Structures are given as C-alpha cells and as structure tokens.
Amino acid sequence: MQKERLFIDLKDIRGRKYGSNAVVDVVIFVDSAFIGVAHDISERVEEVLIKEHDVFEVHVHIELKIKN
C-alpha cells in the first residue's frame, strides 16, 4: 500500500482494553484547507488502525488546525 500524506497532526491518542480487544481514541488536527475532507481523513485513520494494527474500535475526533 502506498503511504499517503494526510495533512494532519496528532494531538492525543489513548488506548484501553475492552475484554481482549483494543479500543483507541485519537484526536487529530486537520489543516483548515482540508476541512471539506475531514470526515474522509478520520475514516482513513480508523481504517488503518483497524486493518494494520488490529484495533477493535477507533474513535477519531477532529480539531481544526488554523494557520496564523
């Protein structure tokens, strides 16, 4: 799989066990120029964590990164 440049920064990531499963909460900053595709970016983050890192459930929270 080709690596993608998603124009995001990681603010926070927390994981916990739910039985024998991993559940992850992620907060990412998305560049304000990409706000129109922020939902697509969050879905991609979820997909990668689930498929490539065997995470059971992912919650992605998006914050807008505003350039000064």
Protein backbone atom coordinates (compact mmCIF):
# COMPACT_ATOMS: atom_id res chain seq x y z
CA MET A 1 0.00 0.00 0.00
CA GLN A 2 1.31 3.43 -0.90
CA LYS A 3 1.71 5.75 2.07
CA GLU A 4 -0.47 8.84 1.96
CA ARG A 5 0.22 12.37 3.11
CA LEU A 6 -2.92 13.38 5.01
CA PHE A 7 -2.03 16.87 6.28
CA ILE A 8 -2.81 16.02 9.88
CA ASP A 9 -1.06 16.32 13.22
CA LEU A 10 -1.65 14.07 16.19
CA LYS A 11 -2.84 15.87 19.31
CA ASP A 12 -3.65 12.94 21.58
CA ILE A 13 -4.04 9.17 21.47
CA ARG A 14 -5.35 6.94 24.23
CA GLY A 15 -5.93 3.23 24.25
CA ARG A 16 -7.64 0.81 26.55
CA LYS A 17 -8.60 -2.83 26.66
CA TYR A 18 -12.21 -3.89 26.29
CA GLY A 19 -12.04 -7.54 27.21
CA SER A 20 -9.30 -8.85 24.92
CA ASN A 21 -9.82 -6.05 22.38
CA ALA A 22 -8.00 -2.74 21.94
CA VAL A 23 -10.07 0.45 21.76
CA VAL A 24 -8.36 3.68 20.70
CA ASP A 25 -9.38 7.33 20.97
CA VAL A 26 -7.46 9.69 18.70
CA VAL A 27 -7.56 13.48 18.48
CA ILE A 28 -6.07 14.91 15.30
CA PHE A 29 -5.60 18.40 13.93
CA VAL A 30 -6.65 18.76 10.29
CA ASP A 31 -5.31 21.68 8.28
CA SER A 32 -8.12 24.18 7.71
CA ALA A 33 -7.58 23.91 3.95
CA PHE A 34 -8.78 20.29 4.15
CA ILE A 35 -11.88 20.76 6.31
CA GLY A 36 -14.03 19.61 3.40
CA VAL A 37 -12.47 16.15 3.55
CA ALA A 38 -12.02 15.92 7.34
CA HIS A 39 -14.57 13.12 7.60
CA ASP A 40 -12.75 11.13 4.89
CA ILE A 41 -9.48 11.64 6.76
CA SER A 42 -10.99 10.37 10.01
CA GLU A 43 -12.36 7.30 8.24
CA ARG A 44 -8.92 6.61 6.77
CA VAL A 45 -7.30 6.87 10.21
CA GLU A 46 -9.88 4.41 11.56
CA GLU A 47 -9.30 2.05 8.64
CA VAL A 48 -5.52 2.00 9.09
CA LEU A 49 -5.70 1.38 12.84
CA ILE A 50 -8.24 -1.41 12.45
CA LYS A 51 -6.66 -3.19 9.46
CA GLU A 52 -2.96 -2.64 10.08
CA HIS A 53 -2.80 -2.55 13.88
CA ASP A 54 -5.59 -4.95 14.89
CA VAL A 55 -7.56 -2.33 16.84
CA PHE A 56 -11.13 -3.39 17.61
CA GLU A 57 -12.73 0.04 17.74
CA VAL A 58 -11.48 3.57 16.98
CA HIS A 59 -12.94 6.95 17.86
CA VAL A 60 -11.39 9.82 15.88
CA HIS A 61 -12.00 13.38 17.00
CA ILE A 62 -11.06 16.18 14.63
CA GLU A 63 -9.89 19.65 15.59
CA LEU A 64 -9.28 22.34 13.05
CA LYS A 65 -5.67 23.50 12.73
CA ILE A 66 -5.72 27.18 11.89
CA LYS A 67 -2.62 28.74 10.44
CA ASN A 68 -1.51 32.07 11.86
